[in-house]
Amino acid sequence: LFLNDGVGNFTNVLGQLPKEAKNQGNSPPSANYMMSSLIDDFDNDGIGDLIVFHDDETGSNSYSLISKGKPLLSDRNSQLLPTGLFGTNTKHNFANSADINGDGYKDILIGQTRAIPYYVGRAIQIFVNQGDGSFIDETTMRIDNSKRSDLNIIKPDDGSGEGNLYLLDVDNNGSIDIVDSTGAGFEEDGHSGLHVFLNDGSGYFTVVGKSSYIYLQPFQIEGFEGTEQWFSRPMQRSIPINLDNKHGIDFVSIVQKPHMVWPDTDYQLILYQLTSKKTLSKLSAPFLTMTTSGVNVALSWTPVPGATGYSLVYAPYPYTGLSSVVTIDMGTKTSLSVDLWSGAAFYVAVKAYYNNIESALSNIDYVLLQTNNTQTSYKNFNEIDLTPQILPKLD
């Protein structure tokens, strides 16, 4: 572990790590090593916490080292985490963290496979944060791993258990979904290298069926059109990315060129992209409420499902045109309190956004803070030209 001193210099602090976060020096050394790890703030104290996942002959133990307000690693106590889904035969291949149930605390998801048979099968384990950096295994109630791999029956065509676990919003509903990208099976009806699990908004996941994907088959490559009966494969490993910034998440995937010459073993892979054409649902407009007390102005607005942030739009009164409109990114905040000055007068509105998608403006309000610190009655000035179509968009 290398710690930054704040100016870009790094120091190896291996000596500060508790024993649970180190290789234990077993013989042979390969019998104990850390396979995955996470650094994130799991108890919301502003200090990075450490999670380590070992792969060893004693049971693939995993530990959390939560700061609990203590920045020094040597001051932290370790807590043993629940056993992996394949028991002592678990390899913790890839770990990631995100708030999946919307309670404001980061949860942990681990893409796991078997040690023996080597990397056969794949399952996702879910640790739900209890609000203090402690975790409960809620895998069975939140995700159905049978769609990816049978935990009890070993099937050689379950596909490779190695791959990346991406946590991101795939369907634009404001919640974190799962994209599990791994090696695929070799048979046409084998397991796909892409599995997407959609979040219902509360941290419960449903798998997207394979029929929802359009992908390139080896026999569809020019020159190999007649090889369908020999070269039909499931979808291969895929990477989620918004390529065109238009319609949400796209995928970059690969297809293997049919292997026609024996004993040539130089496999050729072709990279291709799957671009989403689905128009994402429009965001509804928030509703703005404004109150004043003396020179203090308090604004609040209703949260919008699917929004990842909000923009505050204001213009001085009297309105003089687009050049007077100012947009402020409020991030995820849904309120603002600010002290102005006597005589301040302005129009104000709010809009929600998700990536490059914006909602219509909220109701537009007007306030005048008079020199005697009294407020005029509220008015709605919808006749001014503050519409989503002509508002300037900041870089």
Protein backbone atom coordinates (compact mmCIF):
# COMPACT_ATOMS: atom_id res chain seq x y z
CA LEU A 1 0.00 0.00 0.00
CA PHE A 2 1.42 3.39 -1.04
CA LEU A 3 0.15 6.53 0.74
CA ASN A 4 0.14 9.94 -0.95
CA ASP A 5 1.63 12.80 1.07
CA GLY A 6 -0.66 15.34 -0.64
CA VAL A 7 1.83 16.59 -3.22
CA GLY A 8 2.20 13.45 -5.31
CA ASN A 9 4.89 11.60 -3.35
CA PHE A 10 4.15 8.05 -2.24
CA THR A 11 5.44 6.01 0.69
CA ASN A 12 5.19 2.25 1.09
CA VAL A 13 3.39 1.68 4.42
CA LEU A 14 3.43 -2.11 4.39
CA GLY A 15 4.70 -2.05 7.95
CA GLN A 16 1.53 -0.27 9.15
CA LEU A 17 -0.81 -2.93 7.77
CA PRO A 18 -2.31 -5.37 10.26
CA LYS A 19 -1.34 -9.00 9.71
CA GLU A 20 -4.72 -9.77 8.10
CA ALA A 21 -3.85 -7.41 5.24
CA LYS A 22 -0.51 -9.05 4.48
CA ASN A 23 0.65 -12.31 2.95
CA GLN A 24 1.24 -14.60 5.87
CA GLY A 25 4.53 -16.09 4.71
CA ASN A 26 3.17 -19.60 4.44
CA SER A 27 5.26 -22.18 2.59
CA PRO A 28 5.03 -22.13 -0.34
CA PRO A 29 4.41 -18.36 -0.61
CA SER A 30 1.76 -18.94 -3.30
CA ALA A 31 -0.38 -20.71 -0.69
CA ASN A 32 -1.46 -17.34 0.71
CA TYR A 33 -1.91 -14.14 -1.23
CA MET A 34 -4.33 -11.30 -1.55
CA MET A 35 -6.51 -11.76 -4.62
CA SER A 36 -8.71 -8.64 -4.42
CA SER A 37 -8.96 -5.54 -2.28
CA LEU A 38 -11.02 -2.37 -1.90
CA ILE A 39 -10.39 1.11 -0.51
CA ASP A 40 -13.57 3.10 0.11
CA ASP A 41 -15.31 4.98 2.92
CA PHE A 42 -17.67 2.40 4.39
CA ASP A 43 -18.51 4.18 7.66
CA ASN A 44 -18.89 7.70 6.21
CA ASP A 45 -16.22 9.29 8.40
CA GLY A 46 -14.25 10.71 5.46
CA ILE A 47 -11.40 8.22 5.90
CA GLY A 48 -10.64 5.40 3.49
CA ASP A 49 -11.32 1.90 4.78
CA LEU A 50 -9.56 -1.25 3.60
CA ILE A 51 -11.16 -4.56 2.59
CA VAL A 52 -8.93 -7.53 1.70
CA PHE A 53 -9.82 -10.86 0.09
CA HIS A 54 -7.29 -13.66 0.49
CA ASP A 55 -6.87 -16.79 -1.57
CA ASP A 56 -5.24 -19.43 0.57
CA GLU A 57 -5.30 -23.06 1.56
CA THR A 58 -6.89 -22.21 4.93
CA GLY A 59 -10.23 -21.06 3.51
CA SER A 60 -9.96 -17.90 1.42
CA ASN A 61 -10.60 -15.60 4.38
CA SER A 62 -11.63 -11.98 3.88
CA TYR A 63 -11.30 -9.08 6.31
CA SER A 64 -12.52 -5.52 6.74
CA LEU A 65 -10.34 -2.89 8.37
CA ILE A 66 -12.71 0.01 9.08
CA SER A 67 -11.17 3.29 10.26
CA LYS A 68 -13.90 4.32 12.73
CA GLY A 69 -12.32 7.77 12.79
CA LYS A 70 -8.74 6.48 13.10
CA PRO A 71 -6.59 7.42 10.08
CA LEU A 72 -3.62 5.21 11.05
CA LEU A 73 -3.83 1.71 9.63
CA SER A 74 -2.00 0.28 12.61
CA ASP A 75 -4.82 1.46 14.91
CA ARG A 76 -7.55 -0.50 13.14
CA ASN A 77 -9.11 -3.76 14.20
CA SER A 78 -9.86 -6.42 11.62
CA GLN A 79 -13.23 -8.09 11.21
CA LEU A 80 -13.66 -11.45 9.49
CA LEU A 81 -16.15 -11.25 6.63
CA PRO A 82 -18.64 -14.00 5.65
CA THR A 83 -17.33 -17.06 3.80
CA GLY A 84 -17.39 -17.03 -0.01
CA LEU A 85 -20.18 -18.69 -1.99
CA PHE A 86 -17.99 -21.68 -2.89
CA GLY A 87 -16.89 -22.16 0.72
CA THR A 88 -13.21 -22.78 1.31
CA ASN A 89 -12.91 -23.43 -2.44
CA THR A 90 -13.67 -19.76 -3.24
CA LYS A 91 -11.49 -17.47 -5.31
CA HIS A 92 -12.46 -13.82 -4.74
CA ASN A 93 -11.69 -12.79 -8.29
CA PHE A 94 -13.00 -9.21 -8.47
CA ALA A 95 -14.44 -6.89 -5.80
CA ASN A 96 -16.28 -3.60 -6.17
CA SER A 97 -18.29 -1.24 -3.97
CA ALA A 98 -21.34 1.00 -4.38
CA ASP A 99 -24.52 1.96 -2.55
CA ILE A 100 -26.96 -0.52 -4.06
CA ASN A 101 -29.97 0.05 -1.78
CA GLY A 102 -29.92 3.84 -1.54
CA ASP A 103 -29.31 4.10 2.20
CA GLY A 104 -26.21 6.28 1.79
CA TYR A 105 -23.67 3.57 2.71
CA LYS A 106 -21.37 1.68 0.35
CA ASP A 107 -22.03 -2.04 -0.03
CA ILE A 108 -19.63 -4.70 -1.33
CA LEU A 109 -20.07 -7.04 -4.30
CA ILE A 110 -17.58 -9.78 -5.19
CA GLY A 111 -17.33 -11.80 -8.39
CA GLN A 112 -16.25 -15.26 -7.23
CA THR A 113 -15.24 -18.57 -8.78
CA ARG A 114 -13.85 -21.96 -7.79
CA ALA A 115 -10.25 -22.79 -7.00
CA ILE A 116 -10.88 -26.43 -8.04
CA PRO A 117 -11.79 -27.10 -10.81
CA TYR A 118 -9.73 -24.11 -11.76
CA TYR A 119 -11.90 -21.03 -12.43
CA VAL A 120 -15.03 -23.02 -13.32
CA GLY A 121 -18.27 -21.17 -12.62
CA ARG A 122 -19.06 -17.63 -11.52
CA ALA A 123 -21.24 -16.18 -8.77
CA ILE A 124 -21.74 -12.75 -7.21
CA GLN A 125 -21.71 -12.32 -3.45
CA ILE A 126 -23.39 -9.25 -1.89
CA PHE A 127 -22.42 -7.77 1.50
CA VAL A 128 -24.87 -5.09 2.65
CA ASN A 129 -23.46 -2.31 4.84
CA GLN A 130 -25.27 -1.94 8.17
CA GLY A 131 -24.38 1.76 8.47
CA ASP A 132 -21.31 1.39 10.66
CA GLY A 133 -18.93 -0.43 8.33
CA SER A 134 -20.13 -3.90 9.36
CA PHE A 135 -21.66 -6.17 6.72
CA ILE A 136 -24.29 -8.89 6.39
CA ASP A 137 -24.31 -11.42 3.56
CA GLU A 138 -27.66 -10.88 1.77
CA THR A 139 -26.73 -12.66 -1.46
CA THR A 140 -29.56 -15.18 -1.62
CA MET A 141 -32.29 -12.57 -1.12
CA ARG A 142 -30.90 -9.99 -3.56
CA ILE A 143 -29.63 -11.91 -6.61
CA ASP A 144 -30.26 -15.27 -8.30
CA ASN A 145 -26.86 -16.76 -9.08
CA SER A 146 -28.39 -19.84 -10.68
CA LYS A 147 -28.76 -17.80 -13.88
CA ARG A 148 -24.97 -17.66 -14.05
CA SER A 149 -23.64 -20.76 -12.32
CA ASP A 150 -24.93 -23.63 -10.21
CA LEU A 151 -23.21 -23.32 -6.84
CA ASN A 152 -23.60 -27.02 -6.07
CA ILE A 153 -23.13 -28.74 -9.42
CA ILE A 154 -19.91 -28.37 -11.40
CA LYS A 155 -20.47 -27.87 -15.12
CA PRO A 156 -17.32 -27.55 -17.27
CA ASP A 157 -19.17 -25.25 -19.68
CA ASP A 158 -20.10 -22.76 -16.96
CA GLY A 159 -17.50 -20.48 -18.49
CA SER A 160 -14.46 -18.87 -16.97
CA GLY A 161 -14.95 -17.39 -13.52
CA GLU A 162 -12.42 -14.65 -14.17
CA GLY A 163 -13.59 -11.20 -15.15
CA ASN A 164 -14.62 -7.69 -14.17
CA LEU A 165 -17.63 -6.69 -12.09
CA TYR A 166 -18.89 -3.25 -13.15
CA LEU A 167 -21.33 -1.27 -11.00
CA LEU A 168 -23.17 1.48 -12.90
CA ASP A 169 -26.65 2.65 -13.85
CA VAL A 170 -27.54 0.77 -17.05
CA ASP A 171 -31.24 1.60 -17.39
CA ASN A 172 -31.31 5.23 -16.22
CA ASN A 173 -33.48 4.71 -13.14
CA GLY A 174 -30.98 6.27 -10.73
CA SER A 175 -29.90 3.00 -9.08
CA ILE A 176 -26.73 0.94 -9.42
CA ASP A 177 -26.94 -2.11 -11.71
CA ILE A 178 -24.44 -4.94 -12.19
CA VAL A 179 -22.53 -5.79 -15.36
CA ASP A 180 -20.57 -9.03 -14.96
CA SER A 181 -18.07 -9.48 -17.79
CA THR A 182 -16.24 -12.82 -17.88
CA GLY A 183 -15.01 -15.51 -20.19
CA ALA A 184 -17.81 -17.39 -21.98
CA GLY A 185 -18.63 -21.03 -22.55
CA PHE A 186 -17.54 -22.78 -25.77
CA GLU A 187 -20.89 -24.25 -26.77
CA GLU A 188 -23.67 -22.30 -28.49
CA ASP A 189 -25.97 -22.75 -25.51
CA GLY A 190 -23.17 -22.19 -22.99
CA HIS A 191 -22.98 -19.34 -20.54
CA SER A 192 -22.57 -15.88 -21.99
CA GLY A 193 -19.57 -13.67 -21.20
CA LEU A 194 -21.97 -10.81 -20.42
CA HIS A 195 -24.53 -10.82 -17.63
CA VAL A 196 -26.50 -7.71 -16.71
CA PHE A 197 -28.49 -7.58 -13.48
CA LEU A 198 -30.93 -4.66 -13.14
CA ASN A 199 -31.58 -3.04 -9.76
CA ASP A 200 -35.22 -2.43 -8.82
CA GLY A 201 -34.14 0.68 -6.89
CA SER A 202 -33.95 -1.08 -3.52
CA GLY A 203 -30.95 -3.31 -4.15
CA TYR A 204 -32.73 -6.38 -5.53
CA PHE A 205 -31.47 -7.60 -8.89
CA THR A 206 -33.06 -9.30 -11.91
CA VAL A 207 -30.98 -10.78 -14.71
CA VAL A 208 -31.48 -9.59 -18.31
CA GLY A 209 -32.17 -12.55 -20.62
CA LYS A 210 -29.65 -13.50 -23.30
CA SER A 211 -32.27 -12.89 -25.98
CA SER A 212 -32.03 -9.16 -25.19
CA TYR A 213 -28.51 -8.97 -26.65
CA ILE A 214 -27.59 -8.63 -30.29
CA TYR A 215 -24.03 -9.79 -30.84
CA LEU A 216 -21.64 -10.93 -33.55
CA GLN A 217 -21.12 -14.64 -34.16
CA PRO A 218 -17.93 -16.13 -35.66
CA PHE A 219 -19.81 -17.41 -38.71
CA GLN A 220 -21.02 -13.85 -39.43
CA ILE A 221 -17.48 -12.69 -40.18
CA GLU A 222 -16.89 -12.15 -43.88
CA GLY A 223 -15.48 -15.29 -45.48
CA PHE A 224 -16.85 -17.69 -42.86
CA GLU A 225 -20.58 -17.53 -43.62
CA GLY A 226 -20.85 -21.30 -44.17
CA THR A 227 -19.39 -22.37 -40.83
CA GLU A 228 -22.43 -21.83 -38.58
CA GLN A 229 -22.76 -25.47 -37.53
CA TRP A 230 -19.16 -25.52 -36.23
CA PHE A 231 -18.67 -21.97 -34.97
CA SER A 232 -21.72 -20.86 -32.98
CA ARG A 233 -20.72 -19.27 -29.70
CA PRO A 234 -22.41 -17.35 -26.86
CA MET A 235 -21.65 -13.65 -26.42
CA GLN A 236 -18.09 -13.06 -25.30
CA ARG A 237 -16.55 -10.77 -22.69
CA SER A 238 -17.95 -7.22 -23.01
CA ILE A 239 -17.14 -3.82 -21.55
CA PRO A 240 -19.91 -1.30 -20.67
CA ILE A 241 -19.29 2.27 -21.82
CA ASN A 242 -21.32 5.21 -23.09
CA LEU A 243 -19.70 5.55 -26.52
CA ASP A 244 -21.83 8.24 -28.13
CA ASN A 245 -23.22 10.07 -25.08
CA LYS A 246 -26.74 9.67 -26.48
CA HIS A 247 -28.71 6.68 -25.30
CA GLY A 248 -27.07 5.38 -22.15
CA ILE A 249 -24.78 2.38 -21.83
CA ASP A 250 -23.26 0.71 -24.92
CA PHE A 251 -20.95 -2.32 -25.02
CA VAL A 252 -17.61 -3.09 -26.62
CA SER A 253 -17.19 -6.83 -27.20
CA ILE A 254 -15.02 -9.33 -29.07
CA VAL A 255 -15.58 -12.28 -31.38
CA GLN A 256 -13.04 -14.96 -32.22
CA LYS A 257 -12.32 -15.59 -35.87
CA PRO A 258 -13.02 -19.25 -36.76
CA HIS A 259 -9.97 -21.46 -36.38
CA MET A 260 -9.68 -23.20 -39.75
CA VAL A 261 -6.02 -24.19 -40.07
CA TRP A 262 -4.55 -27.01 -38.00
CA PRO A 263 -2.25 -27.05 -36.07
CA ASP A 264 -2.11 -23.23 -36.27
CA THR A 265 -2.92 -21.84 -32.80
CA ASP A 266 -2.79 -18.12 -33.61
CA TYR A 267 -6.31 -17.11 -32.66
CA GLN A 268 -7.56 -13.81 -34.08
CA LEU A 269 -9.99 -11.64 -32.16
CA ILE A 270 -12.17 -8.96 -33.73
CA LEU A 271 -13.31 -5.99 -31.66
CA TYR A 272 -16.79 -4.59 -32.29
CA GLN A 273 -19.26 -2.29 -30.59
CA LEU A 274 -22.93 -2.53 -29.68
CA THR A 275 -24.44 0.95 -29.60
CA SER A 276 -27.69 1.45 -27.72
CA LYS A 277 -30.44 3.13 -29.73
CA LYS A 278 -33.01 3.14 -26.96
CA THR A 279 -34.27 6.58 -26.04
CA LEU A 280 -34.05 6.85 -22.29
CA SER A 281 -37.05 7.97 -20.31
CA LYS A 282 -37.38 11.70 -19.85
CA LEU A 283 -36.69 13.12 -16.42
CA SER A 284 -39.60 14.84 -14.74
CA ALA A 285 -39.15 18.45 -13.65
CA PRO A 286 -38.58 19.16 -9.95
CA PHE A 287 -40.88 21.49 -8.01
CA LEU A 288 -39.19 24.51 -6.43
CA THR A 289 -40.11 26.05 -3.09
CA MET A 290 -38.62 29.38 -1.97
CA THR A 291 -38.90 31.24 1.35
CA THR A 292 -37.14 34.32 2.70
CA SER A 293 -36.29 35.71 6.11
CA GLY A 294 -34.67 39.12 6.06
CA VAL A 295 -31.92 38.82 3.46
CA ASN A 296 -31.77 35.02 3.70
CA VAL A 297 -33.24 33.04 0.81
CA ALA A 298 -33.96 29.33 1.33
CA LEU A 299 -34.57 27.14 -1.73
CA SER A 300 -35.59 23.49 -1.83
CA TRP A 301 -36.83 21.25 -4.61
CA THR A 302 -38.38 17.82 -4.92
CA PRO A 303 -36.05 14.91 -5.81
CA VAL A 304 -36.49 13.49 -9.32
CA PRO A 305 -36.32 9.68 -9.85
CA GLY A 306 -33.38 8.82 -12.12
CA ALA A 307 -31.62 12.18 -11.69
CA THR A 308 -27.95 12.20 -10.76
CA GLY A 309 -27.84 15.93 -10.09
CA TYR A 310 -29.53 19.32 -10.31
CA SER A 311 -28.77 22.70 -11.86
CA LEU A 312 -29.87 26.00 -10.34
CA VAL A 313 -30.78 28.58 -12.94
CA TYR A 314 -31.21 32.25 -12.08
CA ALA A 315 -31.34 35.65 -13.75
CA PRO A 316 -31.52 39.16 -12.25
CA TYR A 317 -34.74 41.15 -12.44
CA PRO A 318 -35.55 42.87 -14.69
CA TYR A 319 -34.70 40.12 -17.18
CA THR A 320 -32.41 41.37 -19.95
CA GLY A 321 -31.95 38.23 -22.05
CA LEU A 322 -29.89 35.06 -22.27
CA SER A 323 -26.62 36.75 -21.42
CA SER A 324 -27.93 37.38 -17.89
CA VAL A 325 -28.83 33.73 -17.19
CA VAL A 326 -26.47 31.87 -14.83
CA THR A 327 -26.44 28.09 -14.26
CA ILE A 328 -24.89 26.56 -11.14
CA ASP A 329 -24.30 22.82 -10.77
CA MET A 330 -25.75 21.78 -7.39
CA GLY A 331 -24.59 18.17 -7.59
CA THR A 332 -26.98 15.93 -5.67
CA LYS A 333 -28.15 18.68 -3.30
CA THR A 334 -31.88 19.42 -3.14
CA SER A 335 -31.72 22.61 -1.09
CA LEU A 336 -29.76 25.86 -0.77
CA SER A 337 -29.73 28.62 1.84
CA VAL A 338 -27.92 31.86 1.03
CA ASP A 339 -27.71 35.38 2.44
CA LEU A 340 -28.08 38.09 -0.23
CA TRP A 341 -28.57 41.82 0.22
CA SER A 342 -31.34 44.35 0.51
CA GLY A 343 -32.67 45.22 -2.92
CA ALA A 344 -31.65 41.91 -4.53
CA ALA A 345 -34.20 40.77 -7.11
CA PHE A 346 -34.06 37.72 -9.37
CA TYR A 347 -35.85 34.91 -11.15
CA VAL A 348 -34.89 31.37 -10.07
CA ALA A 349 -35.66 27.84 -11.26
CA VAL A 350 -34.18 24.32 -11.03
CA LYS A 351 -33.78 21.46 -13.47
CA ALA A 352 -32.66 17.84 -13.02
CA TYR A 353 -30.06 16.02 -15.12
CA TYR A 354 -28.68 12.56 -15.85
CA ASN A 355 -25.51 12.46 -18.00
CA ASN A 356 -26.47 14.61 -21.01
CA ILE A 357 -30.23 14.35 -20.36
CA GLU A 358 -31.97 17.33 -18.76
CA SER A 359 -35.48 17.81 -17.43
CA ALA A 360 -37.68 20.79 -18.15
CA LEU A 361 -37.38 23.68 -15.75
CA SER A 362 -39.25 23.68 -12.48
CA ASN A 363 -41.76 26.40 -11.75
CA ILE A 364 -40.01 29.78 -12.11
CA ASP A 365 -40.22 32.04 -9.06
CA TYR A 366 -39.33 35.67 -8.44
CA VAL A 367 -38.34 37.39 -5.21
CA LEU A 368 -37.45 40.96 -4.25
CA LEU A 369 -35.59 41.67 -1.04
CA GLN A 370 -36.67 45.28 -0.40
CA THR A 371 -34.53 47.85 1.37
CA ASN A 372 -36.65 47.50 4.50
CA ASN A 373 -35.97 43.73 4.48
CA THR A 374 -39.56 42.80 3.74
CA GLN A 375 -40.59 40.40 1.00
CA THR A 376 -43.02 41.06 -1.81
CA SER A 377 -45.63 38.44 -2.54
CA TYR A 378 -44.61 35.51 -4.76
CA LYS A 379 -45.20 35.76 -8.47
CA ASN A 380 -44.76 33.31 -11.32
CA PHE A 381 -43.14 34.80 -14.41
CA ASN A 382 -43.55 32.01 -16.94
CA GLU A 383 -43.72 34.57 -19.72
CA ILE A 384 -39.97 35.17 -19.63
CA ASP A 385 -37.87 33.18 -22.08
CA LEU A 386 -36.35 30.73 -19.60
CA THR A 387 -37.05 27.43 -21.34
CA PRO A 388 -34.88 24.27 -21.55
CA GLN A 389 -34.47 24.81 -25.29
CA ILE A 390 -32.65 28.11 -25.01
CA LEU A 391 -30.89 27.92 -21.65
CA PRO A 392 -27.12 27.98 -22.07
CA LYS A 393 -25.35 24.71 -21.16
CA LEU A 394 -22.04 25.21 -19.40
CA ASP A 395 -19.02 23.18 -20.44
